[in-house]
């Protein structure tokens, strides 16, 4: 939990170092961790890729794969919005 909160804080400040931690948190077993990570990612990027924290595992995984693709194609140069 502390790791996810730290990553949220980094991304809220516009620091991309928190992104990959939050991306992995989308696969956490606890829905509230997934929700917190998704809320921060969406606010920082304006994207959600259809991720539903309480959605079925296969749908969540498809969304996470979309996040990973986005990160590999655009995320490293994307200007995150400080919150």
Protein backbone atom coordinates (compact mmCIF):
# COMPACT_ATOMS: atom_id res chain seq x y z
CA UNK A 1 0.00 0.00 0.00
CA UNK A 2 2.77 2.47 0.89
CA UNK A 3 4.48 1.75 -2.41
CA UNK A 4 1.30 2.53 -4.35
CA UNK A 5 0.67 5.72 -2.37
CA UNK A 6 4.25 6.85 -3.02
CA UNK A 7 3.83 6.13 -6.74
CA UNK A 8 0.57 8.12 -6.75
CA UNK A 9 2.35 11.05 -5.15
CA UNK A 10 5.16 10.92 -7.71
CA UNK A 11 2.77 10.87 -10.64
CA UNK A 12 0.63 13.63 -9.12
CA UNK A 13 3.78 15.76 -9.12
CA UNK A 14 4.38 14.96 -12.80
CA UNK A 15 7.20 12.46 -12.12
CA UNK A 16 6.90 9.46 -14.45
CA UNK A 17 8.80 7.17 -12.04
CA UNK A 18 5.50 6.28 -10.38
CA UNK A 19 3.86 5.09 -13.57
CA UNK A 20 5.15 1.52 -13.73
CA UNK A 21 4.37 0.93 -10.06
CA UNK A 22 0.79 2.08 -10.66
CA UNK A 23 0.59 -0.02 -13.78
CA UNK A 24 1.50 -3.12 -11.79
CA UNK A 25 -1.01 -2.09 -9.10
CA UNK A 26 -3.78 -2.47 -11.69
CA UNK A 27 -3.15 -6.22 -11.32
CA UNK A 28 -3.39 -6.17 -7.51
CA UNK A 29 -5.86 -8.59 -5.93
CA UNK A 30 -7.44 -5.78 -3.89
CA UNK A 31 -10.02 -3.71 -5.79
CA UNK A 32 -9.38 -0.56 -3.76
CA UNK A 33 -5.68 -0.64 -4.72
CA UNK A 34 -6.67 -1.04 -8.37
CA UNK A 35 -9.15 1.84 -8.04
CA UNK A 36 -6.58 4.16 -6.45
CA UNK A 37 -4.01 3.35 -9.14
CA UNK A 38 -6.55 3.82 -11.95
CA UNK A 39 -7.81 7.14 -10.59
CA UNK A 40 -4.27 8.51 -10.46
CA UNK A 41 -3.34 7.20 -13.90
CA UNK A 42 -6.49 8.64 -15.45
CA UNK A 43 -6.01 12.05 -13.83
CA UNK A 44 -2.36 12.17 -14.91
CA UNK A 45 -2.90 11.03 -18.51
CA UNK A 46 -6.56 11.63 -19.36
CA UNK A 47 -6.76 7.97 -20.43
CA UNK A 48 -8.40 4.90 -18.91
CA UNK A 49 -8.36 2.21 -21.63
CA UNK A 50 -11.67 0.90 -20.30
CA UNK A 51 -10.18 -0.32 -17.01
CA UNK A 52 -12.79 -1.17 -14.38
CA UNK A 53 -11.26 -1.95 -10.96
CA UNK A 54 -14.10 -4.35 -10.15
CA UNK A 55 -14.43 -5.75 -13.68
CA UNK A 56 -13.78 -9.36 -14.68
CA UNK A 57 -10.10 -10.40 -14.60
CA UNK A 58 -9.87 -10.99 -18.35
CA UNK A 59 -11.27 -7.53 -19.14
CA UNK A 60 -8.92 -5.92 -16.61
CA UNK A 61 -5.96 -7.73 -18.15
CA UNK A 62 -6.91 -6.57 -21.64
CA UNK A 63 -6.98 -2.99 -20.35
CA UNK A 64 -3.62 -3.35 -18.59
CA UNK A 65 -2.14 -4.67 -21.83
CA UNK A 66 -3.42 -1.51 -23.52
CA UNK A 67 -1.76 0.59 -20.83
CA UNK A 68 1.52 -1.27 -21.36
CA UNK A 69 1.32 -0.73 -25.12
CA UNK A 70 0.64 2.96 -24.60
CA UNK A 71 3.59 3.26 -22.21
CA UNK A 72 5.93 1.56 -24.67
CA UNK A 73 4.77 3.73 -27.57
CA UNK A 74 4.13 7.12 -25.96
CA UNK A 75 4.48 7.05 -22.19
CA UNK A 76 8.18 7.70 -21.96
CA UNK A 77 7.77 11.07 -23.66
CA UNK A 78 4.26 11.94 -22.45
CA UNK A 79 3.97 15.10 -20.37
CA UNK A 80 2.10 14.01 -17.25
CA UNK A 81 -0.27 16.56 -15.77
CA UNK A 82 0.71 17.55 -12.23
CA UNK A 83 -2.36 17.46 -9.99
